[in-house]
Amino acid sequence: MEKSEDRRPSQKEAYMKYGRGIITHAKAENIKIYKVEYTVEYKKDGVGPEDSGKDIKWCTLIRKDKNSPWLIDEIGEG
C-alpha cells in the first residue's frame, strides 16, 4: 500500500464548499486528504463489488482542532 498527501488547496476547498465540509465545518488547517493506492487479492473474483487488483481511493481526515485526533471522515473513488 502506498499513500501520498494531496496538498493542493483546491482539494480542501472542494471538500469545504461542496463535500462533507458543509456538514463538518472543518477548516483547511484541520483537513488532510490522501491518495491511497493498494492491491486486493480476493479468494474468488466476481462475488463482491470489485475484483482483485490495484485500486486507488481518496481518504479525507479531519480533526476539530490542533489538540484533537485525526479521524477518517470519508473515503472515495480515485
C-alpha atoms as a PDB file:
ATOM      1  CA  MET A   1       0.000   0.000   0.000  1.00  0.00           C
ATOM      2  CA  GLU A   2       1.239   3.457  -0.881  1.00  0.00           C
ATOM      3  CA  LYS A   3      -0.180   6.783   0.267  1.00  0.00           C
ATOM      4  CA  SER A   4       0.625  10.379  -0.505  1.00  0.00           C
ATOM      5  CA  GLU A   5      -0.888  13.547   0.901  1.00  0.00           C
ATOM      6  CA  ASP A   6      -2.605  15.801  -1.599  1.00  0.00           C
ATOM      7  CA  ARG A   7      -1.612  19.304  -0.520  1.00  0.00           C
ATOM      8  CA  ARG A   8      -3.418  21.190  -3.272  1.00  0.00           C
ATOM      9  CA  PRO A   9      -5.580  23.905  -1.709  1.00  0.00           C
ATOM     10  CA  SER A  10      -8.252  23.229  -4.336  1.00  0.00           C
ATOM     11  CA  GLN A  11      -8.906  19.763  -2.876  1.00  0.00           C
ATOM     12  CA  LYS A  12      -9.544  21.151   0.602  1.00  0.00           C
ATOM     13  CA  GLU A  13     -11.640  23.977  -0.813  1.00  0.00           C
ATOM     14  CA  ALA A  14     -13.798  21.491  -2.736  1.00  0.00           C
ATOM     15  CA  TYR A  15     -14.312  19.453   0.456  1.00  0.00           C
ATOM     16  CA  MET A  16     -15.304  22.577   2.414  1.00  0.00           C
ATOM     17  CA  LYS A  17     -17.602  24.061  -0.251  1.00  0.00           C
ATOM     18  CA  TYR A  18     -19.146  21.031  -1.972  1.00  0.00           C
ATOM     19  CA  GLY A  19     -18.381  17.965   0.142  1.00  0.00           C
ATOM     20  CA  ARG A  20     -18.900  16.896   3.707  1.00  0.00           C
ATOM     21  CA  GLY A  21     -17.231  20.095   4.873  1.00  0.00           C
ATOM     22  CA  ILE A  22     -20.663  21.670   4.562  1.00  0.00           C
ATOM     23  CA  ILE A  23     -21.699  19.390   7.443  1.00  0.00           C
ATOM     24  CA  THR A  24     -18.463  19.189   9.465  1.00  0.00           C
ATOM     25  CA  HIS A  25     -17.487  22.876   9.108  1.00  0.00           C
ATOM     26  CA  ALA A  26     -13.817  21.801   9.192  1.00  0.00           C
ATOM     27  CA  LYS A  27     -11.238  24.490   8.465  1.00  0.00           C
ATOM     28  CA  ALA A  28      -8.411  23.975   5.954  1.00  0.00           C
ATOM     29  CA  GLU A  29      -5.763  23.516   8.676  1.00  0.00           C
ATOM     30  CA  ASN A  30      -7.836  20.656  10.111  1.00  0.00           C
ATOM     31  CA  ILE A  31      -8.184  18.711   6.862  1.00  0.00           C
ATOM     32  CA  LYS A  32      -5.771  16.216   5.262  1.00  0.00           C
ATOM     33  CA  ILE A  33      -6.509  14.409   2.019  1.00  0.00           C
ATOM     34  CA  TYR A  34      -4.570  11.311   0.978  1.00  0.00           C
ATOM     35  CA  LYS A  35      -4.410   9.351  -2.253  1.00  0.00           C
ATOM     36  CA  VAL A  36      -4.114   5.683  -1.263  1.00  0.00           C
ATOM     37  CA  GLU A  37      -3.038   3.014  -3.774  1.00  0.00           C
ATOM     38  CA  TYR A  38      -3.417  -0.620  -2.785  1.00  0.00           C
ATOM     39  CA  THR A  39      -3.714  -4.136  -4.174  1.00  0.00           C
ATOM     40  CA  VAL A  40      -6.505  -6.522  -3.206  1.00  0.00           C
ATOM     41  CA  GLU A  41      -6.470 -10.291  -3.744  1.00  0.00           C
ATOM     42  CA  TYR A  42      -9.851 -11.943  -3.175  1.00  0.00           C
ATOM     43  CA  LYS A  43     -10.149 -15.719  -2.899  1.00  0.00           C
ATOM     44  CA  LYS A  44     -12.884 -15.661  -5.542  1.00  0.00           C
ATOM     45  CA  ASP A  45     -13.330 -12.842  -8.079  1.00  0.00           C
ATOM     46  CA  GLY A  46     -16.754 -11.825  -9.309  1.00  0.00           C
ATOM     47  CA  VAL A  47     -18.511 -12.313  -5.975  1.00  0.00           C
ATOM     48  CA  GLY A  48     -18.058  -8.846  -4.446  1.00  0.00           C
ATOM     49  CA  PRO A  49     -18.414  -5.324  -5.800  1.00  0.00           C
ATOM     50  CA  GLU A  50     -14.795  -5.274  -7.037  1.00  0.00           C
ATOM     51  CA  ASP A  51     -12.385  -7.835  -8.459  1.00  0.00           C
ATOM     52  CA  SER A  52      -8.811  -8.455  -7.369  1.00  0.00           C
ATOM     53  CA  GLY A  53      -6.194  -5.972  -8.491  1.00  0.00           C
ATOM     54  CA  LYS A  54      -4.845  -2.494  -7.904  1.00  0.00           C
ATOM     55  CA  ASP A  55      -7.170   0.261  -6.762  1.00  0.00           C
ATOM     56  CA  ILE A  56      -6.987   3.922  -5.732  1.00  0.00           C
ATOM     57  CA  LYS A  57      -9.096   5.674  -3.094  1.00  0.00           C
ATOM     58  CA  TRP A  58      -9.057   9.234  -1.730  1.00  0.00           C
ATOM     59  CA  CYS A  59      -9.237   9.405   2.056  1.00  0.00           C
ATOM     60  CA  THR A  60     -10.150  12.621   3.905  1.00  0.00           C
ATOM     61  CA  LEU A  61      -9.107  13.020   7.541  1.00  0.00           C
ATOM     62  CA  ILE A  62     -10.357  15.829   9.772  1.00  0.00           C
ATOM     63  CA  ARG A  63      -9.905  16.995  13.339  1.00  0.00           C
ATOM     64  CA  LYS A  64     -11.788  19.518  15.470  1.00  0.00           C
ATOM     65  CA  ASP A  65      -8.633  21.483  16.373  1.00  0.00           C
ATOM     66  CA  LYS A  66      -4.853  21.068  16.719  1.00  0.00           C
ATOM     67  CA  ASN A  67      -5.295  19.175  20.009  1.00  0.00           C
ATOM     68  CA  SER A  68      -7.804  16.671  18.595  1.00  0.00           C
ATOM     69  CA  PRO A  69      -7.041  13.316  16.957  1.00  0.00           C
ATOM     70  CA  TRP A  70      -7.263  12.882  13.193  1.00  0.00           C
ATOM     71  CA  LEU A  71     -10.339  10.879  12.170  1.00  0.00           C
ATOM     72  CA  ILE A  72     -11.369   9.458   8.798  1.00  0.00           C
ATOM     73  CA  ASP A  73     -14.306  11.480   7.522  1.00  0.00           C
ATOM     74  CA  GLU A  74     -14.758   9.998   4.060  1.00  0.00           C
ATOM     75  CA  ILE A  75     -13.277   7.550   1.580  1.00  0.00           C
ATOM     76  CA  GLY A  76     -13.999   7.979  -2.112  1.00  0.00           C
ATOM     77  CA  GLU A  77     -13.098   6.775  -5.565  1.00  0.00           C
ATOM     78  CA  GLY A  78      -9.929   7.918  -7.273  1.00  0.00           C
END
